[in-house]
Amino acid sequence: MKRRRDDRGVTAVEYIGFLPILILVGICLVQFGLAAYTMQQAGTAARTAARIGSQGSDAEGRAAGEAAVSDLVRGGTRVDMGGSFDDAEATATVRIPSIIPGFDFDPVKRTSTMPRD
């Protein structure tokens, strides 16, 4: 029985054709994970700022909120303090880092309110 040799390497060619799709899916998954991580960091910053602001001044709360985030998102973090005499309200705005060149995402905002002591 004679063996045909004209279909050698077909699997490698199919893999090379499918590789860009796999890379794109991987990049999208990493970007989605980064967005979720940024949302969590914004919540942490808002809760920390509101807690410290309720026990001290708004400036202390703002500084604590900005210090509560990781180095990955610290550069794009802003904490605004507000509220009333009875409560401290903190709004943390954190920019989502992008690993896809040319894409910018809207920043994430989280708000937290704590009663003043």
PDB file of N, CA and C in Angstrom:
ATOM      1  N   MET A   1       0.826  -1.162   0.000  1.00  0.00           N
ATOM      2  CA  MET A   1       0.000   0.000   0.000  1.00  0.00           C
ATOM      3  C   MET A   1       0.884   1.243   0.000  1.00  0.00           C
ATOM      4  N   LYS A   2       0.623   2.125  -0.903  1.00  0.00           N
ATOM      5  CA  LYS A   2       1.428   3.327  -1.031  1.00  0.00           C
ATOM      6  C   LYS A   2       0.830   4.447  -0.172  1.00  0.00           C
ATOM      7  N   ARG A   3       1.664   5.144   0.529  1.00  0.00           N
ATOM      8  CA  ARG A   3       1.234   6.198   1.437  1.00  0.00           C
ATOM      9  C   ARG A   3       1.330   7.554   0.743  1.00  0.00           C
ATOM     10  N   ARG A   4       0.292   8.394   0.948  1.00  0.00           N
ATOM     11  CA  ARG A   4       0.298   9.737   0.359  1.00  0.00           C
ATOM     12  C   ARG A   4       1.050  10.692   1.273  1.00  0.00           C
ATOM     13  N   ARG A   5       1.833  11.556   0.700  1.00  0.00           N
ATOM     14  CA  ARG A   5       2.648  12.476   1.484  1.00  0.00           C
ATOM     15  C   ARG A   5       2.252  13.941   1.277  1.00  0.00           C
ATOM     16  N   ASP A   6       1.192  14.205   0.584  1.00  0.00           N
ATOM     17  CA  ASP A   6       0.851  15.591   0.287  1.00  0.00           C
ATOM     18  C   ASP A   6       0.082  16.297   1.403  1.00  0.00           C
ATOM     19  N   ASP A   7      -0.293  15.611   2.465  1.00  0.00           N
ATOM     20  CA  ASP A   7      -1.006  16.264   3.553  1.00  0.00           C
ATOM     21  C   ASP A   7      -0.145  16.429   4.809  1.00  0.00           C
ATOM     22  N   ARG A   8       1.145  16.318   4.688  1.00  0.00           N
ATOM     23  CA  ARG A   8       2.041  16.510   5.821  1.00  0.00           C
ATOM     24  C   ARG A   8       2.101  17.991   6.184  1.00  0.00           C
ATOM     25  N   GLY A   9       2.048  18.309   7.474  1.00  0.00           N
ATOM     26  CA  GLY A   9       2.145  19.680   7.951  1.00  0.00           C
ATOM     27  C   GLY A   9       0.828  20.429   7.986  1.00  0.00           C
ATOM     28  N   VAL A  10      -0.262  19.759   7.652  1.00  0.00           N
ATOM     29  CA  VAL A  10      -1.553  20.435   7.645  1.00  0.00           C
ATOM     30  C   VAL A  10      -1.936  20.885   9.062  1.00  0.00           C
ATOM     31  N   THR A  11      -1.660  20.084  10.046  1.00  0.00           N
ATOM     32  CA  THR A  11      -1.996  20.426  11.428  1.00  0.00           C
ATOM     33  C   THR A  11      -1.238  21.680  11.871  1.00  0.00           C
ATOM     34  N   ALA A  12       0.019  21.791  11.506  1.00  0.00           N
ATOM     35  CA  ALA A  12       0.806  22.969  11.867  1.00  0.00           C
ATOM     36  C   ALA A  12       0.240  24.221  11.204  1.00  0.00           C
ATOM     37  N   VAL A  13      -0.173  24.114   9.972  1.00  0.00           N
ATOM     38  CA  VAL A  13      -0.755  25.259   9.275  1.00  0.00           C
ATOM     39  C   VAL A  13      -2.080  25.659   9.928  1.00  0.00           C
ATOM     40  N   GLU A  14      -2.899  24.695  10.313  1.00  0.00           N
ATOM     41  CA  GLU A  14      -4.159  25.001  10.983  1.00  0.00           C
ATOM     42  C   GLU A  14      -3.895  25.672  12.334  1.00  0.00           C
ATOM     43  N   TYR A  15      -2.895  25.207  13.030  1.00  0.00           N
ATOM     44  CA  TYR A  15      -2.559  25.797  14.327  1.00  0.00           C
ATOM     45  C   TYR A  15      -2.089  27.237  14.146  1.00  0.00           C
ATOM     46  N   ILE A  16      -1.261  27.491  13.161  1.00  0.00           N
ATOM     47  CA  ILE A  16      -0.771  28.848  12.910  1.00  0.00           C
ATOM     48  C   ILE A  16      -1.929  29.767  12.524  1.00  0.00           C
ATOM     49  N   GLY A  17      -2.898  29.244  11.798  1.00  0.00           N
ATOM     50  CA  GLY A  17      -4.060  30.048  11.437  1.00  0.00           C
ATOM     51  C   GLY A  17      -4.955  30.345  12.625  1.00  0.00           C
ATOM     52  N   PHE A  18      -5.010  29.468  13.603  1.00  0.00           N
ATOM     53  CA  PHE A  18      -5.866  29.637  14.774  1.00  0.00           C
ATOM     54  C   PHE A  18      -5.172  30.405  15.898  1.00  0.00           C
ATOM     55  N   LEU A  19      -3.849  30.501  15.853  1.00  0.00           N
ATOM     56  CA  LEU A  19      -3.074  31.147  16.909  1.00  0.00           C
ATOM     57  C   LEU A  19      -3.451  32.617  17.138  1.00  0.00           C
ATOM     58  N   PRO A  20      -3.658  33.442  16.119  1.00  0.00           N
ATOM     59  CA  PRO A  20      -4.048  34.834  16.390  1.00  0.00           C
ATOM     60  C   PRO A  20      -5.373  34.943  17.147  1.00  0.00           C
ATOM     61  N   ILE A  21      -6.305  34.055  16.877  1.00  0.00           N
ATOM     62  CA  ILE A  21      -7.580  34.069  17.599  1.00  0.00           C
ATOM     63  C   ILE A  21      -7.352  33.725  19.066  1.00  0.00           C
ATOM     64  N   LEU A  22      -6.505  32.738  19.333  1.00  0.00           N
ATOM     65  CA  LEU A  22      -6.196  32.376  20.715  1.00  0.00           C
ATOM     66  C   LEU A  22      -5.509  33.525  21.454  1.00  0.00           C
ATOM     67  N   ILE A  23      -4.607  34.217  20.791  1.00  0.00           N
ATOM     68  CA  ILE A  23      -3.909  35.346  21.412  1.00  0.00           C
ATOM     69  C   ILE A  23      -4.895  36.471  21.703  1.00  0.00           C
ATOM     70  N   LEU A  24      -5.788  36.760  20.776  1.00  0.00           N
ATOM     71  CA  LEU A  24      -6.788  37.805  20.980  1.00  0.00           C
ATOM     72  C   LEU A  24      -7.712  37.482  22.153  1.00  0.00           C
ATOM     73  N   VAL A  25      -8.149  36.240  22.239  1.00  0.00           N
ATOM     74  CA  VAL A  25      -9.001  35.822  23.366  1.00  0.00           C
ATOM     75  C   VAL A  25      -8.229  35.945  24.679  1.00  0.00           C
ATOM     76  N   GLY A  26      -6.969  35.565  24.698  1.00  0.00           N
ATOM     77  CA  GLY A  26      -6.149  35.686  25.905  1.00  0.00           C
ATOM     78  C   GLY A  26      -5.977  37.134  26.338  1.00  0.00           C
ATOM     79  N   ILE A  27      -5.720  38.030  25.397  1.00  0.00           N
ATOM     80  CA  ILE A  27      -5.564  39.449  25.722  1.00  0.00           C
ATOM     81  C   ILE A  27      -6.870  40.012  26.278  1.00  0.00           C
ATOM     82  N   CYS A  28      -7.996  39.641  25.675  1.00  0.00           N
ATOM     83  CA  CYS A  28      -9.297  40.121  26.160  1.00  0.00           C
ATOM     84  C   CYS A  28      -9.578  39.615  27.575  1.00  0.00           C
ATOM     85  N   LEU A  29      -9.215  38.374  27.865  1.00  0.00           N
ATOM     86  CA  LEU A  29      -9.417  37.835  29.212  1.00  0.00           C
ATOM     87  C   LEU A  29      -8.555  38.572  30.241  1.00  0.00           C
ATOM     88  N   VAL A  30      -7.325  38.865  29.885  1.00  0.00           N
ATOM     89  CA  VAL A  30      -6.449  39.599  30.798  1.00  0.00           C
ATOM     90  C   VAL A  30      -6.996  41.010  31.025  1.00  0.00           C
ATOM     91  N   GLN A  31      -7.473  41.668  29.951  1.00  0.00           N
ATOM     92  CA  GLN A  31      -8.027  43.013  30.091  1.00  0.00           C
ATOM     93  C   GLN A  31      -9.286  43.005  30.959  1.00  0.00           C
ATOM     94  N   PHE A  32     -10.124  42.001  30.798  1.00  0.00           N
ATOM     95  CA  PHE A  32     -11.326  41.868  31.628  1.00  0.00           C
ATOM     96  C   PHE A  32     -10.943  41.670  33.094  1.00  0.00           C
ATOM     97  N   GLY A  33      -9.943  40.863  33.354  1.00  0.00           N
ATOM     98  CA  GLY A  33      -9.470  40.661  34.723  1.00  0.00           C
ATOM     99  C   GLY A  33      -8.914  41.940  35.319  1.00  0.00           C
ATOM    100  N   LEU A  34      -8.217  42.730  34.515  1.00  0.00           N
ATOM    101  CA  LEU A  34      -7.678  44.005  34.981  1.00  0.00           C
ATOM    102  C   LEU A  34      -8.800  44.979  35.321  1.00  0.00           C
ATOM    103  N   ALA A  35      -9.873  44.973  34.524  1.00  0.00           N
ATOM    104  CA  ALA A  35     -11.020  45.842  34.801  1.00  0.00           C
ATOM    105  C   ALA A  35     -11.698  45.428  36.108  1.00  0.00           C
ATOM    106  N   ALA A  36     -11.854  44.136  36.327  1.00  0.00           N
ATOM    107  CA  ALA A  36     -12.461  43.653  37.570  1.00  0.00           C
ATOM    108  C   ALA A  36     -11.586  44.004  38.771  1.00  0.00           C
ATOM    109  N   TYR A  37     -10.282  43.864  38.628  1.00  0.00           N
ATOM    110  CA  TYR A  37      -9.352  44.210  39.702  1.00  0.00           C
ATOM    111  C   TYR A  37      -9.429  45.701  40.017  1.00  0.00           C
ATOM    112  N   THR A  38      -9.544  46.528  38.983  1.00  0.00           N
ATOM    113  CA  THR A  38      -9.639  47.974  39.175  1.00  0.00           C
ATOM    114  C   THR A  38     -10.919  48.342  39.919  1.00  0.00           C
ATOM    115  N   MET A  39     -12.026  47.658  39.588  1.00  0.00           N
ATOM    116  CA  MET A  39     -13.278  47.911  40.312  1.00  0.00           C
ATOM    117  C   MET A  39     -13.140  47.582  41.792  1.00  0.00           C
ATOM    118  N   GLN A  40     -12.474  46.490  42.084  1.00  0.00           N
ATOM    119  CA  GLN A  40     -12.258  46.098  43.479  1.00  0.00           C
ATOM    120  C   GLN A  40     -11.391  47.128  44.189  1.00  0.00           C
ATOM    121  N   GLN A  41     -10.358  47.618  43.529  1.00  0.00           N
ATOM    122  CA  GLN A  41      -9.468  48.611  44.121  1.00  0.00           C
ATOM    123  C   GLN A  41     -10.194  49.933  44.370  1.00  0.00           C
ATOM    124  N   ALA A  42     -11.100  50.311  43.469  1.00  0.00           N
ATOM    125  CA  ALA A  42     -11.874  51.542  43.659  1.00  0.00           C
ATOM    126  C   ALA A  42     -12.778  51.412  44.880  1.00  0.00           C
ATOM    127  N   GLY A  43     -13.391  50.253  45.067  1.00  0.00           N
ATOM    128  CA  GLY A  43     -14.221  50.029  46.248  1.00  0.00           C
ATOM    129  C   GLY A  43     -13.412  50.093  47.527  1.00  0.00           C
ATOM    130  N   THR A  44     -12.221  49.516  47.501  1.00  0.00           N
ATOM    131  CA  THR A  44     -11.337  49.560  48.668  1.00  0.00           C
ATOM    132  C   THR A  44     -10.942  50.990  49.000  1.00  0.00           C
ATOM    133  N   ALA A  45     -10.597  51.774  47.969  1.00  0.00           N
ATOM    134  CA  ALA A  45     -10.205  53.169  48.198  1.00  0.00           C
ATOM    135  C   ALA A  45     -11.361  53.973  48.777  1.00  0.00           C
ATOM    136  N   ALA A  46     -12.573  53.783  48.251  1.00  0.00           N
ATOM    137  CA  ALA A  46     -13.729  54.536  48.740  1.00  0.00           C
ATOM    138  C   ALA A  46     -14.062  54.167  50.185  1.00  0.00           C
ATOM    139  N   ARG A  47     -14.045  52.879  50.511  1.00  0.00           N
ATOM    140  CA  ARG A  47     -14.353  52.456  51.887  1.00  0.00           C
ATOM    141  C   ARG A  47     -13.299  52.969  52.874  1.00  0.00           C
ATOM    142  N   THR A  48     -12.039  52.874  52.496  1.00  0.00           N
ATOM    143  CA  THR A  48     -10.965  53.335  53.379  1.00  0.00           C
ATOM    144  C   THR A  48     -11.058  54.838  53.605  1.00  0.00           C
ATOM    145  N   ALA A  49     -11.273  55.593  52.537  1.00  0.00           N
ATOM    146  CA  ALA A  49     -11.352  57.047  52.665  1.00  0.00           C
ATOM    147  C   ALA A  49     -12.549  57.449  53.519  1.00  0.00           C
ATOM    148  N   ALA A  50     -13.684  56.794  53.330  1.00  0.00           N
ATOM    149  CA  ALA A  50     -14.867  57.127  54.124  1.00  0.00           C
ATOM    150  C   ALA A  50     -14.661  56.772  55.595  1.00  0.00           C
ATOM    151  N   ARG A  51     -14.029  55.638  55.850  1.00  0.00           N
ATOM    152  CA  ARG A  51     -13.793  55.222  57.241  1.00  0.00           C
ATOM    153  C   ARG A  51     -12.839  56.183  57.949  1.00  0.00           C
ATOM    154  N   ILE A  52     -11.725  56.513  57.309  1.00  0.00           N
ATOM    155  CA  ILE A  52     -10.758  57.428  57.920  1.00  0.00           C
ATOM    156  C   ILE A  52     -11.342  58.837  57.986  1.00  0.00           C
ATOM    157  N   GLY A  53     -12.085  59.259  56.958  1.00  0.00           N
ATOM    158  CA  GLY A  53     -12.707  60.582  56.966  1.00  0.00           C
ATOM    159  C   GLY A  53     -13.761  60.725  58.036  1.00  0.00           C
ATOM    160  N   SER A  54     -14.422  59.629  58.395  1.00  0.00           N
ATOM    161  CA  SER A  54     -15.439  59.701  59.452  1.00  0.00           C
ATOM    162  C   SER A  54     -14.810  59.845  60.835  1.00  0.00           C
ATOM    163  N   GLN A  55     -13.563  59.438  60.974  1.00  0.00           N
ATOM    164  CA  GLN A  55     -12.885  59.524  62.268  1.00  0.00           C
ATOM    165  C   GLN A  55     -11.952  60.722  62.362  1.00  0.00           C
ATOM    166  N   GLY A  56     -11.632  61.318  61.217  1.00  0.00           N
ATOM    167  CA  GLY A  56     -10.710  62.451  61.208  1.00  0.00           C
ATOM    168  C   GLY A  56     -11.177  63.493  60.213  1.00  0.00           C
ATOM    169  N   SER A  57     -10.222  64.069  59.507  1.00  0.00           N
ATOM    170  CA  SER A  57     -10.554  65.115  58.537  1.00  0.00           C
ATOM    171  C   SER A  57     -10.704  64.520  57.131  1.00  0.00           C
ATOM    172  N   ASP A  58     -11.287  65.331  56.248  1.00  0.00           N
ATOM    173  CA  ASP A  58     -11.443  64.897  54.864  1.00  0.00           C
ATOM    174  C   ASP A  58     -10.092  64.714  54.172  1.00  0.00           C
ATOM    175  N   ALA A  59      -9.119  65.552  54.531  1.00  0.00           N
ATOM    176  CA  ALA A  59      -7.781  65.434  53.938  1.00  0.00           C
ATOM    177  C   ALA A  59      -7.130  64.105  54.319  1.00  0.00           C
ATOM    178  N   GLU A  60      -7.301  63.693  55.570  1.00  0.00           N
ATOM    179  CA  GLU A  60      -6.753  62.403  56.006  1.00  0.00           C
ATOM    180  C   GLU A  60      -7.455  61.253  55.271  1.00  0.00           C
ATOM    181  N   GLY A  61      -8.762  61.368  55.108  1.00  0.00           N
ATOM    182  CA  GLY A  61      -9.507  60.338  54.385  1.00  0.00           C
ATOM    183  C   GLY A  61      -9.073  60.236  52.937  1.00  0.00           C
ATOM    184  N   ARG A  62      -8.895  61.386  52.289  1.00  0.00           N
ATOM    185  CA  ARG A  62      -8.446  61.401  50.891  1.00  0.00           C
ATOM    186  C   ARG A  62      -7.076  60.743  50.759  1.00  0.00           C
ATOM    187  N   ALA A  63      -6.163  61.092  51.628  1.00  0.00           N
ATOM    188  CA  ALA A  63      -4.807  60.526  51.582  1.00  0.00           C
ATOM    189  C   ALA A  63      -4.844  59.025  51.840  1.00  0.00           C
ATOM    190  N   ALA A  64      -5.676  58.585  52.801  1.00  0.00           N
ATOM    191  CA  ALA A  64      -5.760  57.151  53.107  1.00  0.00           C
ATOM    192  C   ALA A  64      -6.372  56.375  51.944  1.00  0.00           C
ATOM    193  N   GLY A  65      -7.370  56.956  51.296  1.00  0.00           N
ATOM    194  CA  GLY A  65      -7.991  56.288  50.155  1.00  0.00           C
ATOM    195  C   GLY A  65      -7.034  56.127  48.990  1.00  0.00           C
ATOM    196  N   GLU A  66      -6.258  57.162  48.716  1.00  0.00           N
ATOM    197  CA  GLU A  66      -5.292  57.081  47.619  1.00  0.00           C
ATOM    198  C   GLU A  66      -4.156  56.119  47.945  1.00  0.00           C
ATOM    199  N   ALA A  67      -3.823  55.981  49.223  1.00  0.00           N
ATOM    200  CA  ALA A  67      -2.757  55.060  49.632  1.00  0.00           C
ATOM    201  C   ALA A  67      -3.235  53.615  49.696  1.00  0.00           C
ATOM    202  N   ALA A  68      -4.552  53.406  49.709  1.00  0.00           N
ATOM    203  CA  ALA A  68      -5.094  52.052  49.877  1.00  0.00           C
ATOM    204  C   ALA A  68      -5.062  51.221  48.595  1.00  0.00           C
ATOM    205  N   VAL A  69      -4.830  51.841  47.457  1.00  0.00           N
ATOM    206  CA  VAL A  69      -4.826  51.085  46.200  1.00  0.00           C
ATOM    207  C   VAL A  69      -3.425  50.576  45.888  1.00  0.00           C
ATOM    208  N   SER A  70      -3.353  49.590  45.025  1.00  0.00           N
ATOM    209  CA  SER A  70      -2.056  49.005  44.668  1.00  0.00           C
ATOM    210  C   SER A  70      -1.294  49.924  43.712  1.00  0.00           C
ATOM    211  N   ASP A  71      -0.016  49.663  43.565  1.00  0.00           N
ATOM    212  CA  ASP A  71       0.831  50.474  42.692  1.00  0.00           C
ATOM    213  C   ASP A  71       0.379  50.424  41.230  1.00  0.00           C
ATOM    214  N   LEU A  72      -0.275  49.352  40.832  1.00  0.00           N
ATOM    215  CA  LEU A  72      -0.714  49.187  39.445  1.00  0.00           C
ATOM    216  C   LEU A  72      -1.700  50.269  39.027  1.00  0.00           C
ATOM    217  N   VAL A  73      -2.569  50.683  39.923  1.00  0.00           N
ATOM    218  CA  VAL A  73      -3.601  51.667  39.579  1.00  0.00           C
ATOM    219  C   VAL A  73      -3.462  52.978  40.353  1.00  0.00           C
ATOM    220  N   ARG A  74      -2.426  53.119  41.141  1.00  0.00           N
ATOM    221  CA  ARG A  74      -2.280  54.306  41.988  1.00  0.00           C
ATOM    222  C   ARG A  74      -2.160  55.592  41.165  1.00  0.00           C
ATOM    223  N   GLY A  75      -1.504  55.555  40.043  1.00  0.00           N
ATOM    224  CA  GLY A  75      -1.313  56.762  39.240  1.00  0.00           C
ATOM    225  C   GLY A  75      -2.605  57.340  38.695  1.00  0.00           C
ATOM    226  N   GLY A  76      -3.608  56.522  38.475  1.00  0.00           N
ATOM    227  CA  GLY A  76      -4.865  57.004  37.934  1.00  0.00           C
ATOM    228  C   GLY A  76      -5.979  57.063  38.954  1.00  0.00           C
ATOM    229  N   THR A  77      -5.633  57.259  40.226  1.00  0.00           N
ATOM    230  CA  THR A  77      -6.634  57.247  41.299  1.00  0.00           C
ATOM    231  C   THR A  77      -6.873  58.654  41.832  1.00  0.00           C
ATOM    232  N   ARG A  78      -8.155  58.982  42.004  1.00  0.00           N
ATOM    233  CA  ARG A  78      -8.539  60.252  42.621  1.00  0.00           C
ATOM    234  C   ARG A  78      -9.655  59.972  43.624  1.00  0.00           C
ATOM    235  N   VAL A  79      -9.545  60.541  44.811  1.00  0.00           N
ATOM    236  CA  VAL A  79     -10.561  60.365  45.850  1.00  0.00           C
ATOM    237  C   VAL A  79     -11.124  61.736  46.203  1.00  0.00           C
ATOM    238  N   ASP A  80     -12.444  61.859  46.125  1.00  0.00           N
ATOM    239  CA  ASP A  80     -13.131  63.095  46.490  1.00  0.00           C
ATOM    240  C   ASP A  80     -13.953  62.837  47.748  1.00  0.00           C
ATOM    241  N   MET A  81     -13.863  63.757  48.687  1.00  0.00           N
ATOM    242  CA  MET A  81     -14.588  63.623  49.940  1.00  0.00           C
ATOM    243  C   MET A  81     -15.777  64.576  49.942  1.00  0.00           C
ATOM    244  N   GLY A  82     -16.831  64.160  50.605  1.00  0.00           N
ATOM    245  CA  GLY A  82     -18.030  64.980  50.720  1.00  0.00           C
ATOM    246  C   GLY A  82     -18.813  64.531  51.927  1.00  0.00           C
ATOM    247  N   GLY A  83     -20.113  64.697  51.849  1.00  0.00           N
ATOM    248  CA  GLY A  83     -20.957  64.277  52.954  1.00  0.00           C
ATOM    249  C   GLY A  83     -21.479  65.470  53.721  1.00  0.00           C
ATOM    250  N   SER A  84     -21.892  65.208  54.942  1.00  0.00           N
ATOM    251  CA  SER A  84     -22.464  66.252  55.782  1.00  0.00           C
ATOM    252  C   SER A  84     -21.827  66.202  57.160  1.00  0.00           C
ATOM    253  N   PHE A  85     -22.447  66.889  58.102  1.00  0.00           N
ATOM    254  CA  PHE A  85     -21.943  66.886  59.473  1.00  0.00           C
ATOM    255  C   PHE A  85     -22.051  65.499  60.094  1.00  0.00           C
ATOM    256  N   ASP A  86     -23.062  64.739  59.685  1.00  0.00           N
ATOM    257  CA  ASP A  86     -23.330  63.426  60.283  1.00  0.00           C
ATOM    258  C   ASP A  86     -22.625  62.256  59.598  1.00  0.00           C
ATOM    259  N   ASP A  87     -22.230  62.440  58.339  1.00  0.00           N
ATOM    260  CA  ASP A  87     -21.611  61.316  57.630  1.00  0.00           C
ATOM    261  C   ASP A  87     -20.488  61.798  56.717  1.00  0.00           C
ATOM    262  N   ALA A  88     -19.584  60.882  56.431  1.00  0.00           N
ATOM    263  CA  ALA A  88     -18.476  61.138  55.513  1.00  0.00           C
ATOM    264  C   ALA A  88     -18.703  60.301  54.261  1.00  0.00           C
ATOM    265  N   GLU A  89     -18.667  60.953  53.117  1.00  0.00           N
ATOM    266  CA  GLU A  89     -18.866  60.250  51.855  1.00  0.00           C
ATOM    267  C   GLU A  89     -17.613  60.391  51.010  1.00  0.00           C
ATOM    268  N   ALA A  90     -17.136  59.278  50.492  1.00  0.00           N
ATOM    269  CA  ALA A  90     -15.942  59.277  49.652  1.00  0.00           C
ATOM    270  C   ALA A  90     -16.284  58.665  48.304  1.00  0.00           C
ATOM    271  N   THR A  91     -15.828  59.300  47.237  1.00  0.00           N
ATOM    272  CA  THR A  91     -15.985  58.776  45.890  1.00  0.00           C
ATOM    273  C   THR A  91     -14.596  58.568  45.302  1.00  0.00           C
ATOM    274  N   ALA A  92     -14.288  57.331  44.981  1.00  0.00           N
ATOM    275  CA  ALA A  92     -12.986  56.996  44.395  1.00  0.00           C
ATOM    276  C   ALA A  92     -13.167  56.801  42.899  1.00  0.00           C
ATOM    277  N   THR A  93     -12.340  57.462  42.125  1.00  0.00           N
ATOM    278  CA  THR A  93     -12.323  57.319  40.673  1.00  0.00           C
ATOM    279  C   THR A  93     -10.976  56.739  40.285  1.00  0.00           C
ATOM    280  N   VAL A  94     -11.009  55.579  39.641  1.00  0.00           N
ATOM    281  CA  VAL A  94      -9.766  54.880  39.294  1.00  0.00           C
ATOM    282  C   VAL A  94      -9.779  54.589  37.797  1.00  0.00           C
ATOM    283  N   ARG A  95      -8.679  54.935  37.128  1.00  0.00           N
ATOM    284  CA  ARG A  95      -8.539  54.686  35.691  1.00  0.00           C
ATOM    285  C   ARG A  95      -8.169  53.228  35.466  1.00  0.00           C
ATOM    286  N   ILE A  96      -8.847  52.590  34.512  1.00  0.00           N
ATOM    287  CA  ILE A  96      -8.552  51.189  34.173  1.00  0.00           C
ATOM    288  C   ILE A  96      -7.330  51.154  33.267  1.00  0.00           C
ATOM    289  N   PRO A  97      -6.255  50.475  33.686  1.00  0.00           N
ATOM    290  CA  PRO A  97      -5.089  50.356  32.810  1.00  0.00           C
ATOM    291  C   PRO A  97      -5.428  49.511  31.584  1.00  0.00           C
ATOM    292  N   SER A  98      -4.862  49.878  30.451  1.00  0.00           N
ATOM    293  CA  SER A  98      -5.141  49.158  29.211  1.00  0.00           C
ATOM    294  C   SER A  98      -3.884  48.446  28.723  1.00  0.00           C
ATOM    295  N   ILE A  99      -4.035  47.172  28.381  1.00  0.00           N
ATOM    296  CA  ILE A  99      -2.920  46.449  27.783  1.00  0.00           C
ATOM    297  C   ILE A  99      -3.060  46.402  26.270  1.00  0.00           C
ATOM    298  N   ILE A 100      -4.195  46.902  25.770  1.00  0.00           N
ATOM    299  CA  ILE A 100      -4.439  46.941  24.329  1.00  0.00           C
ATOM    300  C   ILE A 100      -4.084  48.345  23.854  1.00  0.00           C
ATOM    301  N   PRO A 101      -3.071  48.490  23.006  1.00  0.00           N
ATOM    302  CA  PRO A 101      -2.657  49.824  22.561  1.00  0.00           C
ATOM    303  C   PRO A 101      -3.791  50.544  21.824  1.00  0.00           C
ATOM    304  N   GLY A 102      -3.965  51.820  22.162  1.00  0.00           N
ATOM    305  CA  GLY A 102      -4.958  52.633  21.492  1.00  0.00           C
ATOM    306  C   GLY A 102      -6.348  52.584  22.100  1.00  0.00           C
ATOM    307  N   PHE A 103      -6.569  51.744  23.085  1.00  0.00           N
ATOM    308  CA  PHE A 103      -7.875  51.652  23.728  1.00  0.00           C
ATOM    309  C   PHE A 103      -7.817  52.300  25.109  1.00  0.00           C
ATOM    310  N   ASP A 104      -8.728  53.211  25.355  1.00  0.00           N
ATOM    311  CA  ASP A 104      -8.876  53.811  26.674  1.00  0.00           C
ATOM    312  C   ASP A 104     -10.269  53.481  27.176  1.00  0.00           C
ATOM    313  N   PHE A 105     -10.369  53.136  28.419  1.00  0.00           N
ATOM    314  CA  PHE A 105     -11.641  52.764  29.020  1.00  0.00           C
ATOM    315  C   PHE A 105     -12.082  53.858  29.981  1.00  0.00           C
ATOM    316  N   ASP A 106     -13.376  53.966  30.186  1.00  0.00           N
ATOM    317  CA  ASP A 106     -13.899  54.928  31.154  1.00  0.00           C
ATOM    318  C   ASP A 106     -13.419  54.544  32.548  1.00  0.00           C
ATOM    319  N   PRO A 107     -13.129  55.540  33.380  1.00  0.00           N
ATOM    320  CA  PRO A 107     -12.693  55.209  34.746  1.00  0.00           C
ATOM    321  C   PRO A 107     -13.835  54.610  35.564  1.00  0.00           C
ATOM    322  N   VAL A 108     -13.456  53.889  36.592  1.00  0.00           N
ATOM    323  CA  VAL A 108     -14.413  53.249  37.496  1.00  0.00           C
ATOM    324  C   VAL A 108     -14.640  54.175  38.684  1.00  0.00           C
ATOM    325  N   LYS A 109     -15.901  54.345  39.081  1.00  0.00           N
ATOM    326  CA  LYS A 109     -16.233  55.166  40.255  1.00  0.00           C
ATOM    327  C   LYS A 109     -16.958  54.309  41.278  1.00  0.00           C
ATOM    328  N   ARG A 110     -16.542  54.436  42.530  1.00  0.00           N
ATOM    329  CA  ARG A 110     -17.199  53.770  43.633  1.00  0.00           C
ATOM    330  C   ARG A 110     -17.362  54.779  44.765  1.00  0.00           C
ATOM    331  N   THR A 111     -18.516  54.713  45.431  1.00  0.00           N
ATOM    332  CA  THR A 111     -18.822  55.642  46.509  1.00  0.00           C
ATOM    333  C   THR A 111     -19.132  54.849  47.775  1.00  0.00           C
ATOM    334  N   SER A 112     -18.673  55.392  48.902  1.00  0.00           N
ATOM    335  CA  SER A 112     -18.936  54.783  50.190  1.00  0.00           C
ATOM    336  C   SER A 112     -19.261  55.877  51.209  1.00  0.00           C
ATOM    337  N   THR A 113     -20.181  55.576  52.110  1.00  0.00           N
ATOM    338  CA  THR A 113     -20.588  56.532  53.140  1.00  0.00           C
ATOM    339  C   THR A 113     -20.474  55.876  54.506  1.00  0.00           C
ATOM    340  N   MET A 114     -19.899  56.605  55.459  1.00  0.00           N
ATOM    341  CA  MET A 114     -19.759  56.122  56.839  1.00  0.00           C
ATOM    342  C   MET A 114     -20.247  57.207  57.787  1.00  0.00           C
ATOM    343  N   PRO A 115     -20.869  56.824  58.894  1.00  0.00           N
ATOM    344  CA  PRO A 115     -21.297  57.841  59.870  1.00  0.00           C
ATOM    345  C   PRO A 115     -20.092  58.415  60.611  1.00  0.00           C
ATOM    346  N   ARG A 116     -20.150  59.697  60.874  1.00  0.00           N
ATOM    347  CA  ARG A 116     -19.039  60.346  61.610  1.00  0.00           C
ATOM    348  C   ARG A 116     -19.155  60.040  63.109  1.00  0.00           C
ATOM    349  N   ASP A 117     -18.010  59.866  63.718  1.00  0.00           N
ATOM    350  CA  ASP A 117     -17.983  59.607  65.164  1.00  0.00           C
ATOM    351  C   ASP A 117     -18.101  60.878  65.964  1.00  0.00           C
TER     352      ASP A 117
END
